Protein backbone atom coordinates (compact mmCIF):
# COMPACT_ATOMS: atom_id res chain seq x y z
CA MET A 1 122.56 148.30 37.40
CA THR A 2 126.34 147.86 37.11
CA GLY A 3 129.21 148.70 39.40
CA TRP A 4 132.98 149.03 39.76
CA GLU A 5 135.40 148.56 42.68
CA ALA A 6 138.19 151.11 43.14
CA ASP A 7 139.59 153.86 45.30
CA TRP A 8 137.46 156.81 44.20
CA LEU A 9 138.37 160.50 44.21
CA THR A 10 135.17 162.23 45.33
CA PRO A 11 134.49 165.86 46.27
CA GLN A 12 134.82 164.72 49.90
CA GLY A 13 138.18 163.04 49.30
CA TRP A 14 139.31 159.48 48.62
CA GLN A 15 136.84 156.66 49.30
CA ARG A 16 137.36 152.92 48.90
CA GLY A 17 134.51 150.72 47.77
CA ARG A 18 131.95 150.04 45.09
CA LEU A 19 130.39 152.61 42.78
CA GLN A 20 127.05 151.71 41.26
CA GLU A 21 125.51 153.07 38.07
CA GLN A 22 121.97 153.10 36.77
CA ASP A 23 120.69 154.65 33.52
CA GLY A 24 124.08 156.19 32.86
CA ARG A 25 124.35 158.01 36.18
CA ILE A 26 126.01 157.24 39.49
CA SER A 27 123.29 155.78 41.70
CA ALA A 28 125.32 155.03 44.84
CA LEU A 29 128.83 154.90 46.23
CA ASP A 30 129.16 152.25 48.92
CA ALA A 31 132.56 153.25 50.25
CA THR A 32 134.54 154.31 53.28
CA PRO A 33 136.93 157.27 53.49
CA ILE A 34 140.65 156.60 53.17
CA ALA A 35 143.73 158.81 53.49
CA PRO A 36 145.27 160.12 50.26
CA HIS A 37 148.41 158.02 50.72
CA GLU A 38 146.25 154.88 50.86
CA ALA A 39 144.67 155.49 47.44
CA GLY A 40 145.93 152.89 45.01
CA SER A 41 147.54 150.77 47.71
CA GLU A 42 147.53 146.96 47.47
CA GLY A 43 147.36 147.24 43.69
CA ARG A 44 143.91 148.82 43.68
CA LEU A 45 142.84 151.01 40.78
CA ARG A 46 142.29 154.71 41.41
CA GLY A 47 139.02 156.04 40.02
CA LEU A 48 138.84 159.65 38.82
CA PRO A 49 136.13 161.66 37.11
CA GLY A 50 136.36 161.19 33.35
CA PHE A 51 138.47 163.77 31.57
CA ILE A 52 136.80 166.72 29.80
CA ASP A 53 138.59 168.31 26.84
CA THR A 54 137.18 171.58 25.54
CA HIS A 55 139.66 171.92 22.66
CA VAL A 56 140.02 168.92 20.32
CA HIS A 57 140.71 169.12 16.59
CA GLY A 58 141.38 165.48 15.86
CA GLY A 59 142.81 162.11 16.75
CA GLY A 60 143.33 158.64 15.38
CA GLY A 61 144.51 160.05 12.06
CA ARG A 62 141.35 162.11 11.42
CA ASP A 63 140.59 165.83 11.56
CA SER A 64 137.29 167.18 12.88
CA MET A 65 136.76 169.36 9.80
CA GLU A 66 136.50 166.17 7.69
CA GLY A 67 133.01 165.52 9.04
CA ALA A 68 130.95 162.87 10.80
CA GLU A 69 133.11 159.82 10.11
CA ALA A 70 136.22 161.64 11.32
CA LEU A 71 134.42 162.80 14.45
CA ASP A 72 133.44 159.21 15.19
CA VAL A 73 137.08 158.11 14.91
CA LEU A 74 138.48 160.87 17.10
CA THR A 75 135.84 160.54 19.83
CA ARG A 76 136.61 156.82 20.09
CA LEU A 77 140.35 157.44 20.19
CA HIS A 78 140.11 160.01 22.97
CA ALA A 79 137.65 157.88 24.95
CA ARG A 80 140.25 155.12 25.09
CA HIS A 81 142.58 157.64 26.73
CA GLY A 82 140.07 158.59 29.42
CA THR A 83 138.30 161.55 27.81
CA THR A 84 134.61 161.04 28.47
CA ALA A 85 133.35 164.38 27.12
CA LEU A 86 134.76 166.92 24.68
CA LEU A 87 134.02 169.87 22.42
CA ALA A 88 134.48 169.30 18.69
CA THR A 89 136.77 172.15 17.68
CA THR A 90 136.84 173.84 14.29
CA MET A 91 139.66 175.45 12.34
CA THR A 92 139.52 178.78 10.61
CA ALA A 93 138.24 177.99 7.11
CA PRO A 94 135.91 179.35 4.42
CA MET A 95 132.48 179.77 5.96
CA ALA A 96 130.95 177.03 3.79
CA GLU A 97 133.43 174.53 5.26
CA ILE A 98 132.68 175.62 8.83
CA GLU A 99 128.96 175.27 8.17
CA ALA A 100 129.47 171.80 6.73
CA ALA A 101 131.49 170.76 9.77
CA LEU A 102 128.82 171.99 12.18
CA ARG A 103 126.10 170.14 10.28
CA ALA A 104 128.22 166.99 10.57
CA PHE A 105 128.76 167.55 14.31
CA ALA A 106 125.06 168.02 15.11
CA PRO A 107 123.97 164.32 15.08
CA ALA A 108 126.89 163.31 17.30
CA ILE A 109 126.02 166.07 19.76
CA ALA A 110 122.40 164.95 19.81
CA GLN A 111 123.22 161.23 20.24
CA ARG A 112 126.44 159.79 21.63
CA ARG A 113 127.83 156.87 19.67
CA PRO A 114 128.56 153.66 21.66
CA GLY A 115 132.21 153.37 22.57
CA ALA A 116 132.82 157.10 22.09
CA ALA A 117 133.21 160.20 24.21
CA ARG A 118 130.20 162.48 24.58
CA VAL A 119 130.37 165.50 22.25
CA LEU A 120 129.04 168.33 24.40
CA GLY A 121 129.00 170.89 21.62
CA VAL A 122 131.34 172.99 19.49
CA HIS A 123 134.38 175.10 20.20
CA LEU A 124 134.43 177.59 17.34
CA GLU A 125 138.12 178.50 17.09
CA GLY A 126 138.01 181.06 14.35
CA PRO A 127 137.39 182.63 11.94
CA TYR A 128 137.15 185.66 14.23
CA LEU A 129 140.87 185.90 14.99
CA ASN A 130 143.65 188.43 14.48
CA PRO A 131 145.60 187.67 11.28
CA GLU A 132 148.79 188.70 13.08
CA ARG A 133 148.32 185.90 15.65
CA LEU A 134 147.16 182.99 13.51
CA GLY A 135 149.57 180.41 14.88
CA ALA A 136 148.65 177.29 12.87
CA GLN A 137 145.27 178.63 11.78
CA PRO A 138 144.80 179.15 8.00
CA ASP A 139 144.27 182.73 6.90
CA HIS A 140 140.52 182.75 6.31
CA ILE A 141 139.82 185.50 8.84
CA VAL A 142 136.54 187.44 8.71
CA PRO A 143 135.00 189.99 11.09
CA ALA A 144 132.53 188.55 13.58
CA ALA A 145 128.85 189.35 13.18
CA LEU A 146 126.14 188.37 15.64
CA VAL A 147 123.71 187.21 12.95
CA GLU A 148 126.35 184.91 11.51
CA VAL A 149 127.16 183.36 14.89
CA GLN A 150 123.45 182.89 15.56
CA ARG A 151 123.14 181.03 12.26
CA LEU A 152 126.10 178.78 13.09
CA HIS A 153 124.76 178.22 16.61
CA ALA A 154 121.51 176.98 15.08
CA LEU A 155 123.42 174.37 13.07
CA ALA A 156 125.13 172.93 16.16
CA PRO A 157 125.34 174.31 19.71
CA ILE A 158 128.44 176.44 20.18
CA ARG A 159 129.66 176.17 23.77
CA VAL A 160 132.92 178.12 23.38
CA LEU A 161 133.99 180.71 20.83
CA THR A 162 137.52 182.08 20.48
CA LEU A 163 137.61 185.79 19.64
CA ALA A 164 140.26 188.48 19.15
CA PRO A 165 138.56 191.31 21.07
CA GLU A 166 140.71 194.12 19.64
CA LEU A 167 139.28 193.79 16.13
CA PRO A 168 136.57 196.29 15.11
CA GLY A 169 133.17 195.45 16.60
CA HIS A 170 134.34 192.36 18.48
CA LEU A 171 134.35 193.81 22.00
CA ALA A 172 130.68 194.81 21.66
CA LEU A 173 129.77 191.24 20.63
CA ILE A 174 130.97 189.58 23.81
CA GLY A 175 127.87 190.44 25.84
CA PRO A 176 125.35 189.29 23.19
CA LEU A 177 127.33 186.06 22.66
CA ARG A 178 127.28 185.42 26.40
CA ASP A 179 123.52 185.95 26.34
CA LEU A 180 123.27 183.15 23.76
CA GLY A 181 124.96 180.82 26.25
CA ILE A 182 128.30 180.93 24.43
CA ARG A 183 131.46 181.28 26.50
CA VAL A 184 133.81 183.69 24.77
CA GLN A 185 137.51 182.96 25.14
CA ILE A 186 140.15 185.53 24.25
CA GLY A 187 142.70 184.06 21.90
CA HIS A 188 144.70 184.37 18.69
CA SER A 189 144.82 187.99 19.68
CA ASN A 190 147.15 190.98 19.53
CA ALA A 191 145.31 192.83 22.30
CA ASP A 192 147.36 194.45 25.03
CA TYR A 193 146.79 194.23 28.79
CA ASP A 194 144.09 196.92 28.79
CA GLY A 195 142.33 195.25 25.87
CA GLY A 196 142.31 191.96 27.73
CA CYS A 197 140.90 193.61 30.84
CA ALA A 198 138.21 195.31 28.74
CA ALA A 199 137.22 191.97 27.22
CA LEU A 200 136.94 190.37 30.66
CA ALA A 201 134.84 193.30 31.85
CA ALA A 202 132.58 192.86 28.81
CA GLY A 203 131.93 189.24 29.79
CA ALA A 204 134.70 187.14 28.25
CA ALA A 205 134.92 183.88 30.18
CA GLY A 206 138.54 182.88 29.68
CA PHE A 207 141.56 182.52 27.41
CA THR A 208 142.29 180.06 24.61
CA HIS A 209 145.55 178.08 25.07
CA LEU A 210 147.09 180.57 27.48
CA PHE A 211 150.54 181.91 26.45
CA ASN A 212 150.16 180.72 22.85
CA ALA A 213 149.07 183.02 19.98
CA MET A 214 148.70 186.08 22.21
CA THR A 215 150.72 189.06 23.42
CA PRO A 216 153.24 187.88 26.02
CA LEU A 217 154.03 189.11 29.51
CA HIS A 218 156.68 191.81 29.89
CA HIS A 219 157.07 193.78 33.09
CA ARG A 220 156.42 197.07 31.27
CA ALA A 221 153.90 195.65 28.80
CA PRO A 222 151.94 192.88 30.52
CA GLY A 223 150.02 191.89 27.40
CA LEU A 224 147.16 189.41 27.32
CA VAL A 225 149.15 186.95 29.38
CA GLY A 226 149.44 189.57 32.10
CA ALA A 227 145.71 190.29 31.97
CA ALA A 228 145.00 186.58 32.37
CA LEU A 229 147.41 186.08 35.26
CA ALA A 230 146.14 189.18 37.05
CA HIS A 231 142.40 188.88 36.49
CA ALA A 232 141.17 185.64 34.90
CA GLN A 233 139.03 183.09 36.67
CA HIS A 234 139.43 180.55 33.87
CA ALA A 235 141.84 179.79 31.05
CA GLU A 236 142.93 176.84 28.90
CA LEU A 237 146.46 175.46 29.08
CA ILE A 238 148.11 172.85 26.83
CA PRO A 239 150.31 170.71 29.14
CA ASP A 240 152.30 168.84 26.49
CA LEU A 241 155.52 170.41 27.87
CA LEU A 242 156.17 171.88 24.41
CA HIS A 243 153.62 174.69 24.14
CA VAL A 244 154.38 176.06 27.61
CA HIS A 245 157.47 175.71 29.81
CA PRO A 246 156.77 173.98 33.15
CA GLY A 247 157.80 177.16 34.99
CA ALA A 248 155.19 179.20 33.13
CA MET A 249 152.66 176.43 33.75
CA ARG A 250 153.31 176.63 37.50
CA ALA A 251 152.91 180.42 37.46
CA ALA A 252 149.56 180.13 35.70
CA LEU A 253 148.39 177.36 38.02
CA ARG A 254 149.09 179.59 41.03
CA ALA A 255 147.50 182.68 39.49
CA ILE A 256 144.29 181.45 37.81
CA PRO A 257 141.91 179.58 40.13
CA GLY A 258 139.95 177.83 37.39
CA LEU A 259 142.82 177.03 35.02
CA PHE A 260 141.97 173.81 33.17
CA CYS A 261 143.91 171.73 30.68
CA VAL A 262 143.14 170.91 27.06
CA THR A 263 144.94 168.86 24.45
CA ASP A 264 144.49 171.00 21.32
CA ALA A 265 144.88 167.54 19.78
CA THR A 266 145.22 167.08 16.05
CA ALA A 267 144.77 164.04 13.83
CA ALA A 268 148.25 162.96 15.01
CA ALA A 269 146.99 162.10 18.52
CA GLY A 270 147.31 158.37 19.10
CA MET A 271 149.28 157.90 15.90
CA PRO A 272 152.90 157.18 14.93
CA GLU A 273 155.26 159.82 13.59
CA GLY A 274 154.39 160.98 10.11
CA GLU A 275 152.32 163.36 8.00
CA TYR A 276 148.76 164.36 8.92
CA GLN A 277 146.17 167.05 8.17
CA LEU A 278 145.03 169.96 10.32
CA GLY A 279 142.12 171.81 8.78
CA GLY A 280 143.36 170.93 5.31
CA GLN A 281 146.98 171.88 6.06
CA PRO A 282 149.80 169.34 6.11
CA VAL A 283 151.41 168.89 9.52
CA ARG A 284 154.10 166.52 10.74
CA LEU A 285 154.33 164.61 14.00
CA CYS A 286 157.99 164.26 14.97
CA GLN A 287 159.60 163.77 18.40
CA GLY A 288 156.31 164.34 20.17
CA GLY A 289 155.48 167.67 18.51
CA VAL A 290 153.11 168.56 15.67
CA ARG A 291 154.35 171.30 13.36
CA LEU A 292 153.65 173.08 10.10
CA PRO A 293 156.31 172.79 7.37
CA ASP A 294 157.83 176.10 8.61
CA GLY A 295 158.27 174.70 12.12
CA THR A 296 155.29 176.46 13.76
CA LEU A 297 153.65 174.40 16.49
CA ALA A 298 150.33 173.17 15.09
CA GLY A 299 148.25 171.77 17.90
CA SER A 300 149.50 168.63 19.60
CA ALA A 301 149.46 164.85 19.70
CA LEU A 302 148.48 165.01 23.36
CA THR A 303 145.82 162.87 25.02
CA MET A 304 144.29 163.76 28.37
CA ASP A 305 145.79 160.82 30.25
CA GLN A 306 149.25 162.06 29.23
CA ALA A 307 148.21 165.57 30.25
CA LEU A 308 147.38 164.24 33.72
CA ARG A 309 150.74 162.48 33.98
CA HIS A 310 152.56 165.66 32.91
CA LEU A 311 150.81 167.67 35.63
CA VAL A 312 151.88 165.14 38.24
CA GLN A 313 155.38 165.13 36.73
CA ILE A 314 155.77 168.89 37.29
CA GLY A 315 154.69 168.57 40.91
CA LEU A 316 150.90 168.65 41.21
CA LEU A 317 149.17 166.26 43.54
CA LEU A 318 146.98 163.76 41.72
CA GLU A 319 143.92 165.32 43.32
CA ASP A 320 144.72 168.75 41.85
CA ALA A 321 145.77 167.32 38.50
CA SER A 322 142.41 165.53 38.29
CA ARG A 323 140.57 168.82 38.85
CA ARG A 324 142.57 170.47 36.07
CA VAL A 325 141.65 167.82 33.47
CA SER A 326 138.03 167.36 34.48
CA THR A 327 136.18 169.20 37.23
CA LEU A 328 137.23 172.74 36.40
CA ALA A 329 136.32 172.34 32.73
CA ALA A 330 132.89 171.08 33.77
CA GLU A 331 132.46 174.11 36.01
CA PHE A 332 133.57 176.41 33.20
CA LEU A 333 130.91 174.89 30.94
CA GLY A 334 128.26 175.10 33.67
CA LEU A 335 127.83 171.31 33.98
CA PRO A 336 127.36 170.35 37.65
CA ASP A 337 126.64 166.71 36.76
CA ARG A 338 130.00 166.05 35.07
CA GLY A 339 133.59 166.15 36.27
CA ARG A 340 132.82 164.73 39.70
CA ILE A 341 132.12 161.39 41.33
CA ALA A 342 128.90 161.80 43.27
CA PRO A 343 125.40 160.27 43.25
CA GLY A 344 123.32 161.79 40.45
CA ALA A 345 126.31 162.77 38.31
CA TRP A 346 126.94 161.07 34.99
CA ALA A 347 128.91 157.85 35.39
CA ASP A 348 131.94 159.24 33.52
CA LEU A 349 134.92 157.46 35.05
CA VAL A 350 138.56 156.67 34.35
CA LEU A 351 140.36 154.02 36.37
CA LEU A 352 144.16 154.22 36.57
CA ASP A 353 146.87 151.90 37.81
CA GLY A 354 149.82 152.89 39.98
CA ASP A 355 151.66 154.38 36.98
CA LEU A 356 148.60 156.46 36.06
CA GLN A 357 147.99 154.35 32.98
CA VAL A 358 144.37 153.98 31.87
CA ARG A 359 142.94 150.56 32.69
CA ARG A 360 139.18 151.14 32.41
CA VAL A 361 137.01 153.96 31.05
CA VAL A 362 133.28 154.44 31.54
CA VAL A 363 131.25 156.98 29.56
CA GLU A 364 127.73 157.57 30.87
CA GLY A 365 127.72 154.04 32.28
CA ASP A 366 129.04 152.50 29.04
CA GLU A 367 132.39 150.76 29.61
CA ILE A 368 134.75 151.42 26.72
CA ASP A 369 136.61 148.61 25.01
CA LEU A 370 140.21 149.77 25.25
CA ASP A 371 141.46 147.18 22.75
CA VAL A 372 139.47 148.41 19.74
C-alpha cells in the first residue's frame, strides 16, 4: 500500500489529507473538507484526477501509425504531462496500414507498459470521412461497411469512431456501431444542421474536434456546429487557442453539458520546433502550431496539462477545468472508475503546484518518473 499527501479534488469537493492506494486503486482517502480558496495554500500540491485524452495521434517525435514502438514513446510522453489514460488515434490511410496499426495497438491495450499512460482502446478517425472536409487527413477515403468495422474491432477494441453521416449508407450504420459498444462521433463532415440532428437521433454520441472540419454556424444555416450547440450532450474541443477562438470555446462550454477537451496531439507534442510526420505526411511545428506545407492546421503540439492551464486562462475555475480534461471524458466512455478521486476508482492522479505545473503523476498506482 502506498499513499500521497495533497489537497484533493473529489466529487464532494476539496479535501486535505492522505490518499492511499492498493493494487492500483484508491483504497482510502483520510482527509478533511476544505474551502476551494484553501486548496493549494501553504505550498501544498493540488491533486486532480488524471487526465483522459480520447484523441491522440502522437507525441515525443513519434506518430501512432508507426506502430508499437511509437505508441510506447507517445504514451510515456503524455503520461509525464498528466495524461493517465488515452485512446490511440488513427489517421485515414490505406486499409492495410490501418489494420497494421490496430494489430500494433492491441498488446498495449491488453497490458499497460510501466511508466506509460493506459491505452483504453482506439479512436478510429477515418477512413469514413467526407473528402470535402479532410482537414489534415490524407485522401484515402472509403465508404463505411459494418463488416469491415467489425473486422477492425476484432483486431483492437474501437472505443470511438469518427464518421461523416451524410455519406451514402453511413447514417444507417450508427445504430449497429453503437450496438457494438462503439461511440460514433460526427466529424470531418459536410452535413448540415438537419443532417447533424438526424445523426444524433440515430445514436451518434458526440462530435469530433468541434468547430474544426465541419460545417460552421451561420444564423440562417446553423450547420453541424449549430446542431452540436443546440442538441449535443458531448463533444470534443481542442483548447490550444489556435483551433478555436476563446469566445467560441466559451459558447460551446455553456451550450454542451458534457463538452470535454482533447489534444489532437501529433508527433510534435513535447518536441522543439521542426519537421515531423502525421500519418506519413510532413508537418511543421512553428510558433506553437502544427501545419501542413500549405498552412492547414494539422493536429497540435498540445499536452493535457497545457490544455488545463488554457481553460483556466480563459476563465474556468480549476474545478470545472479538471472535469473537462478528465471526468467528462470518462463519463463519455462509460468508465465510472476513472476520472474521479474516490475509493474504488483507479489511482490515476496528477499533482500540480500553484502555477498548475505537473509535479507528480500516478497511473494505476504506478508513480511516473517525470525526468525520463
